[in-house]
Amino acid sequence: MSYLSIASSVPGSVVVIAHAFVGNRFRVSTRAVLSLFGMVAAFFVIIVMAYVDSDDWSTAFMATNLVLAVVINVFRALFRATNRFFKS
């Protein structure tokens, strides 16, 4: 199993389980907006890192990208769990 698949699947599972216990303590709109802003901020950091020369610190660069993948997947799972409450 690759590092990226672990960084993608484990946080999603943890957030879904945690959302079952503490999800009702926060308003749906607050959860949705914060998760979207979190994803945009993480994507912005990834875009900035794409322009940085990482030849000297390639291991730290990979670790940082994996952490950012975890952050994005946590916010994605939170938004997905929140999004089911938006019924039209």
C-alpha atoms as a PDB file:
ATOM      1  CA  MET A   1       0.000   0.000   0.000  1.00  0.00           C
ATOM      2  CA  SER A   2       1.426   3.371  -0.940  1.00  0.00           C
ATOM      3  CA  TYR A   3       1.901   6.309   1.390  1.00  0.00           C
ATOM      4  CA  LEU A   4      -0.640   8.372  -0.510  1.00  0.00           C
ATOM      5  CA  SER A   5      -3.371   5.741  -0.256  1.00  0.00           C
ATOM      6  CA  ILE A   6      -2.818   5.511   3.503  1.00  0.00           C
ATOM      7  CA  ALA A   7      -2.881   9.308   3.757  1.00  0.00           C
ATOM      8  CA  SER A   8      -6.159   9.278   1.831  1.00  0.00           C
ATOM      9  CA  SER A   9      -8.104   6.484   3.490  1.00  0.00           C
ATOM     10  CA  VAL A  10      -7.206   6.552   7.191  1.00  0.00           C
ATOM     11  CA  PRO A  11      -8.141  10.202   7.918  1.00  0.00           C
ATOM     12  CA  GLY A  12     -11.465   9.810   6.159  1.00  0.00           C
ATOM     13  CA  SER A  13     -12.380   6.847   8.320  1.00  0.00           C
ATOM     14  CA  VAL A  14     -11.351   8.610  11.509  1.00  0.00           C
ATOM     15  CA  VAL A  15     -13.349  11.735  10.639  1.00  0.00           C
ATOM     16  CA  VAL A  16     -16.480   9.740   9.820  1.00  0.00           C
ATOM     17  CA  ILE A  17     -16.290   7.951  13.173  1.00  0.00           C
ATOM     18  CA  ALA A  18     -15.566  11.193  15.058  1.00  0.00           C
ATOM     19  CA  HIS A  19     -18.370  12.962  13.194  1.00  0.00           C
ATOM     20  CA  ALA A  20     -20.842  10.398  14.499  1.00  0.00           C
ATOM     21  CA  PHE A  21     -19.998  11.408  18.063  1.00  0.00           C
ATOM     22  CA  VAL A  22     -19.369  15.164  17.898  1.00  0.00           C
ATOM     23  CA  GLY A  23     -20.917  16.237  14.601  1.00  0.00           C
ATOM     24  CA  ASN A  24     -24.145  17.447  16.150  1.00  0.00           C
ATOM     25  CA  ARG A  25     -22.351  19.976  18.375  1.00  0.00           C
ATOM     26  CA  PHE A  26     -21.634  22.312  15.458  1.00  0.00           C
ATOM     27  CA  ARG A  27     -23.989  23.908  12.975  1.00  0.00           C
ATOM     28  CA  VAL A  28     -24.105  22.375   9.509  1.00  0.00           C
ATOM     29  CA  SER A  29     -23.292  25.628   7.734  1.00  0.00           C
ATOM     30  CA  THR A  30     -20.278  26.220   9.990  1.00  0.00           C
ATOM     31  CA  ARG A  31     -18.901  22.741   9.295  1.00  0.00           C
ATOM     32  CA  ALA A  32     -19.398  23.148   5.557  1.00  0.00           C
ATOM     33  CA  VAL A  33     -17.778  26.575   5.333  1.00  0.00           C
ATOM     34  CA  LEU A  34     -14.815  25.667   7.534  1.00  0.00           C
ATOM     35  CA  SER A  35     -14.153  22.471   5.610  1.00  0.00           C
ATOM     36  CA  LEU A  36     -14.214  24.314   2.279  1.00  0.00           C
ATOM     37  CA  PHE A  37     -11.893  27.048   3.566  1.00  0.00           C
ATOM     38  CA  GLY A  38      -9.559  24.404   4.972  1.00  0.00           C
ATOM     39  CA  MET A  39      -9.359  22.612   1.630  1.00  0.00           C
ATOM     40  CA  VAL A  40      -8.720  25.859  -0.251  1.00  0.00           C
ATOM     41  CA  ALA A  41      -5.963  26.834   2.200  1.00  0.00           C
ATOM     42  CA  ALA A  42      -4.281  23.428   1.872  1.00  0.00           C
ATOM     43  CA  PHE A  43      -4.475  23.596  -1.926  1.00  0.00           C
ATOM     44  CA  PHE A  44      -2.961  27.074  -1.812  1.00  0.00           C
ATOM     45  CA  VAL A  45      -0.011  25.767   0.219  1.00  0.00           C
ATOM     46  CA  ILE A  46       0.470  22.908  -2.267  1.00  0.00           C
ATOM     47  CA  ILE A  47       0.454  25.360  -5.176  1.00  0.00           C
ATOM     48  CA  VAL A  48       3.040  27.551  -3.450  1.00  0.00           C
ATOM     49  CA  MET A  49       5.197  24.494  -2.739  1.00  0.00           C
ATOM     50  CA  ALA A  50       5.128  23.559  -6.417  1.00  0.00           C
ATOM     51  CA  TYR A  51       7.143  26.675  -7.196  1.00  0.00           C
ATOM     52  CA  VAL A  52       9.754  26.091  -4.476  1.00  0.00           C
ATOM     53  CA  ASP A  53      13.040  24.384  -5.335  1.00  0.00           C
ATOM     54  CA  SER A  54      13.007  21.182  -3.280  1.00  0.00           C
ATOM     55  CA  ASP A  55      16.208  19.522  -4.452  1.00  0.00           C
ATOM     56  CA  ASP A  56      17.910  19.919  -1.084  1.00  0.00           C
ATOM     57  CA  TRP A  57      15.002  18.798   1.080  1.00  0.00           C
ATOM     58  CA  SER A  58      13.156  16.172  -0.953  1.00  0.00           C
ATOM     59  CA  THR A  59      12.312  13.956   2.044  1.00  0.00           C
ATOM     60  CA  ALA A  60      10.811  16.854   3.982  1.00  0.00           C
ATOM     61  CA  PHE A  61       9.000  17.945   0.817  1.00  0.00           C
ATOM     62  CA  MET A  62       7.396  14.508   0.490  1.00  0.00           C
ATOM     63  CA  ALA A  63       6.468  14.462   4.178  1.00  0.00           C
ATOM     64  CA  THR A  64       4.927  17.924   3.887  1.00  0.00           C
ATOM     65  CA  ASN A  65       2.916  16.875   0.846  1.00  0.00           C
ATOM     66  CA  LEU A  66       1.665  13.768   2.642  1.00  0.00           C
ATOM     67  CA  VAL A  67       0.626  15.855   5.642  1.00  0.00           C
ATOM     68  CA  LEU A  68      -1.196  18.228   3.312  1.00  0.00           C
ATOM     69  CA  ALA A  69      -2.896  15.238   1.666  1.00  0.00           C
ATOM     70  CA  VAL A  70      -4.073  14.138   5.105  1.00  0.00           C
ATOM     71  CA  VAL A  71      -5.371  17.656   5.832  1.00  0.00           C
ATOM     72  CA  ILE A  72      -7.240  17.809   2.537  1.00  0.00           C
ATOM     73  CA  ASN A  73      -8.766  14.387   3.097  1.00  0.00           C
ATOM     74  CA  VAL A  74      -9.854  15.290   6.628  1.00  0.00           C
ATOM     75  CA  PHE A  75     -11.640  18.386   5.330  1.00  0.00           C
ATOM     76  CA  ARG A  76     -13.073  16.396   2.408  1.00  0.00           C
ATOM     77  CA  ALA A  77     -14.484  13.770   4.751  1.00  0.00           C
ATOM     78  CA  LEU A  78     -15.893  16.464   7.015  1.00  0.00           C
ATOM     79  CA  PHE A  79     -17.550  18.205   4.086  1.00  0.00           C
ATOM     80  CA  ARG A  80     -18.907  14.934   2.737  1.00  0.00           C
ATOM     81  CA  ALA A  81     -20.371  14.040   6.128  1.00  0.00           C
ATOM     82  CA  THR A  82     -21.848  17.543   6.400  1.00  0.00           C
ATOM     83  CA  ASN A  83     -23.078  17.675   2.812  1.00  0.00           C
ATOM     84  CA  ARG A  84     -25.622  14.909   3.336  1.00  0.00           C
ATOM     85  CA  PHE A  85     -27.636  17.269   5.542  1.00  0.00           C
ATOM     86  CA  PHE A  86     -28.146  19.787   2.743  1.00  0.00           C
ATOM     87  CA  LYS A  87     -31.425  18.641   1.244  1.00  0.00           C
ATOM     88  CA  SER A  88     -33.205  20.823  -1.267  1.00  0.00           C
END
